[in-house]
Protein backbone atom coordinates (compact mmCIF):
# COMPACT_ATOMS: atom_id res chain seq x y z
CA MET A 1 6.92 23.73 -34.08
CA LYS A 2 10.43 25.86 -34.47
CA THR A 3 13.11 25.55 -31.89
CA SER A 4 15.31 27.92 -30.79
CA LEU A 5 19.08 26.72 -29.69
CA LYS A 6 18.76 27.37 -26.73
CA SER A 7 15.72 25.28 -25.79
CA LYS A 8 17.11 22.07 -27.52
CA ILE A 9 20.42 22.13 -25.47
CA GLY A 10 18.55 22.54 -22.16
CA LEU A 11 16.22 19.82 -23.23
CA GLY A 12 19.42 18.43 -24.05
CA PHE A 13 20.08 18.44 -20.57
CA ILE A 14 17.58 17.01 -18.88
CA ILE A 15 17.59 13.59 -21.50
CA LEU A 16 21.34 13.93 -19.77
CA GLY A 17 19.86 14.03 -16.47
CA PHE A 18 17.23 10.85 -17.23
CA ILE A 19 20.11 9.32 -18.91
CA CYS A 20 23.74 10.14 -16.29
CA PRO A 21 22.10 6.81 -13.62
CA VAL A 22 22.77 3.98 -16.58
CA PHE A 23 26.74 6.71 -16.51
CA GLY A 24 25.87 5.32 -12.75
CA LEU A 25 25.58 1.22 -13.80
CA ILE A 26 28.99 1.32 -15.69
CA VAL A 27 31.86 3.22 -13.80
CA PRO A 28 32.57 0.51 -11.49
CA LEU A 29 33.22 -1.18 -14.44
CA LEU A 30 35.70 1.21 -16.02
CA GLY A 31 38.12 0.26 -13.07
CA PHE A 32 38.96 3.34 -11.07
CA SER A 33 39.67 3.23 -7.39
CA SER A 34 37.24 2.76 -5.54
CA THR A 35 37.39 6.66 -3.40
CA VAL A 36 36.75 7.92 -7.21
CA THR A 37 34.75 4.66 -7.90
CA ALA A 38 32.42 5.55 -4.86
CA ALA A 39 32.63 9.82 -5.73
CA LEU A 40 31.36 9.13 -9.35
CA VAL A 41 28.83 6.36 -8.76
CA THR A 42 27.27 9.80 -6.34
CA PHE A 43 27.00 12.15 -8.84
CA PHE A 44 25.84 9.11 -11.64
CA LEU A 45 23.44 8.98 -9.64
CA VAL A 46 22.94 10.86 -6.91
CA GLY A 47 23.91 15.08 -8.27
CA GLY A 48 23.88 15.12 -11.65
CA PRO A 49 20.54 13.73 -12.75
CA GLU A 50 19.01 17.62 -10.46
CA ILE A 51 22.49 19.77 -11.68
CA LEU A 52 20.72 18.75 -14.96
CA PHE A 53 17.91 19.15 -15.07
CA VAL A 54 17.68 22.32 -13.26
CA LEU A 55 19.98 23.63 -15.87
CA GLY A 56 18.26 22.36 -18.83
CA GLY A 57 14.59 23.69 -16.98
CA ILE A 58 16.24 26.57 -17.46
CA LEU A 59 17.12 26.80 -20.51
CA ALA A 60 14.15 25.02 -22.13
CA GLY A 61 11.98 27.84 -20.81
CA LYS A 62 8.30 28.27 -21.38
CA GLU A 63 9.10 26.61 -24.72
CA GLY A 64 10.85 24.26 -24.42
CA ILE A 65 8.36 23.24 -21.54
CA GLN A 66 5.54 23.19 -24.66
CA LEU A 67 7.49 21.81 -27.08
CA VAL A 68 7.64 18.34 -24.48
CA LYS A 69 4.10 19.37 -23.49
CA GLY A 70 2.54 18.96 -27.18
CA LYS A 71 4.94 15.20 -27.34
CA VAL A 72 3.18 13.70 -24.91
CA LYS A 73 0.07 14.64 -24.86
CA LYS A 74 0.34 13.14 -28.58
CA LEU A 75 1.70 9.85 -27.52
CA PHE A 76 -2.12 9.49 -25.00
CA GLY A 77 -3.64 10.89 -28.06
CA LEU A 78 -4.40 13.97 -26.65
CA PRO A 79 -5.49 17.29 -28.85
CA GLU A 80 -1.75 19.61 -28.67
CA GLU A 81 -3.26 22.70 -27.44
CA ASN A 82 -4.82 23.28 -24.96
CA TYR A 83 -8.60 22.17 -23.63
CA PRO A 84 -10.19 21.82 -20.79
CA ALA A 85 -10.01 18.99 -18.27
CA THR A 86 -13.17 18.00 -17.48
CA SER A 87 -14.32 17.68 -13.99
CA ALA A 88 -13.70 13.75 -13.09
CA GLN A 89 -10.90 14.56 -14.93
CA TYR A 90 -9.35 17.45 -13.10
CA LYS A 91 -9.70 15.07 -9.44
CA LEU A 92 -8.70 12.49 -10.96
CA GLY A 93 -5.44 13.86 -12.21
CA VAL A 94 -4.83 15.35 -8.22
CA VAL A 95 -6.02 12.35 -6.67
CA CYS A 96 -2.06 10.62 -8.80
CA ILE A 97 -0.53 14.49 -6.79
CA VAL A 98 -1.71 13.66 -3.87
CA ILE A 99 -0.55 10.16 -4.07
CA TRP A 100 2.86 10.84 -5.22
CA PHE A 101 3.59 13.02 -3.02
CA ILE A 102 2.41 11.20 0.39
CA LEU A 103 4.49 8.76 -1.72
CA LEU A 104 7.43 10.28 -2.11
CA VAL A 105 7.64 11.82 2.21
CA ILE A 106 5.96 8.86 3.78
CA PRO A 107 9.32 7.38 3.84
CA GLY A 108 11.02 10.27 5.98
CA TYR A 109 8.70 9.22 8.94
CA ILE A 110 8.05 6.05 8.75
CA PRO A 111 11.34 4.22 7.49
CA ASN A 112 10.91 0.88 8.14
CA LEU A 113 7.79 0.49 6.61
CA PHE A 114 10.44 -0.18 2.77
CA GLU A 115 12.02 -3.18 4.45
CA MET A 116 8.71 -5.14 4.00
CA PRO A 117 9.31 -7.85 1.29
CA PHE A 118 7.29 -6.83 -0.83
CA ILE A 119 7.60 -3.52 -0.93
CA ARG A 120 11.55 -3.96 -1.50
CA GLU A 121 11.73 -5.76 -3.51
CA ASN A 122 9.06 -4.06 -6.18
CA LEU A 123 10.76 -0.78 -5.02
CA LEU A 124 11.90 0.56 -7.92
CA TYR A 125 8.71 -0.17 -10.06
CA LEU A 126 6.28 1.95 -7.43
CA SER A 127 9.60 4.16 -7.44
CA ILE A 128 8.73 4.29 -11.35
CA GLY A 129 4.93 3.51 -11.10
CA THR A 130 4.13 6.75 -8.69
CA ASP A 131 6.19 9.14 -10.83
CA ILE A 132 4.54 8.64 -13.77
CA MET A 133 1.46 8.41 -11.90
CA PHE A 134 2.82 12.34 -11.18
CA ILE A 135 3.25 13.11 -14.42
CA VAL A 136 -0.14 11.73 -16.01
CA GLY A 137 -2.11 13.56 -13.86
CA VAL A 138 -0.38 17.15 -14.19
CA PHE A 139 -0.03 17.09 -17.83
CA VAL A 140 -2.98 14.51 -19.55
CA LEU A 141 -5.60 14.69 -16.29
CA GLY A 142 -5.28 18.30 -14.99
CA GLY A 143 -5.42 19.72 -18.52
CA ASN A 144 -4.76 23.23 -19.15
CA GLN A 145 -6.35 24.26 -16.22
CA MET A 146 -2.73 21.94 -13.92
CA ILE A 147 -0.69 23.26 -15.63
CA THR A 148 -1.89 26.72 -15.18
CA LYS A 149 -2.99 26.79 -11.26
CA ILE A 150 0.73 24.96 -10.84
CA GLY A 151 2.35 28.27 -12.48
CA ASP A 152 0.23 31.07 -10.34
CA VAL A 153 2.16 28.85 -7.93
CA ILE A 154 5.70 29.37 -8.56
CA LYS A 155 4.83 32.94 -10.38
CA TRP A 156 5.60 35.77 -7.83
CA GLN A 157 2.98 38.54 -8.54
CA PRO A 158 3.65 41.48 -6.15
CA TRP A 159 2.25 41.74 -2.77
CA GLN A 160 -1.05 44.04 -2.37
CA LEU A 161 -1.33 45.13 1.21
CA PRO A 162 -4.94 45.94 2.07
CA LEU A 163 -6.17 49.75 3.14
CA LYS A 164 -5.89 51.03 5.77
CA LYS A 165 -9.15 52.60 6.84
């Protein structure tokens, strides 16, 4: 699959978004003032990745998403073309997405939950695990049906009003 320069730049921004937090770990070692260090670390950990992900998604477009989807499927040994997911695969994908969403929302309502020693010590692994579970649930288990449904949710469609009698 031949990709355009725009898609490659978009994918580059997405990769930079993933690498950006590493720069936040390096900034305190550079000897800047505490104000500059705090601002840069905050940008690299909080604002930078989100900005780069949005820009990368806009630039990569459908072509870039197809490329990444093909690579992820190849990584898991699945066929690169669209394939229908079985009922069990699809349901397991939905369960993965629901668990990811619940673990994303719960901390806002029960902040003391993450003060438990086991969870506090393993919070990074819990976060990475739930993100991987979301990716696997959407791209691997959900198949083309999940991607199509998510695409339909975010796609604008004109509203048709019912005819008056």
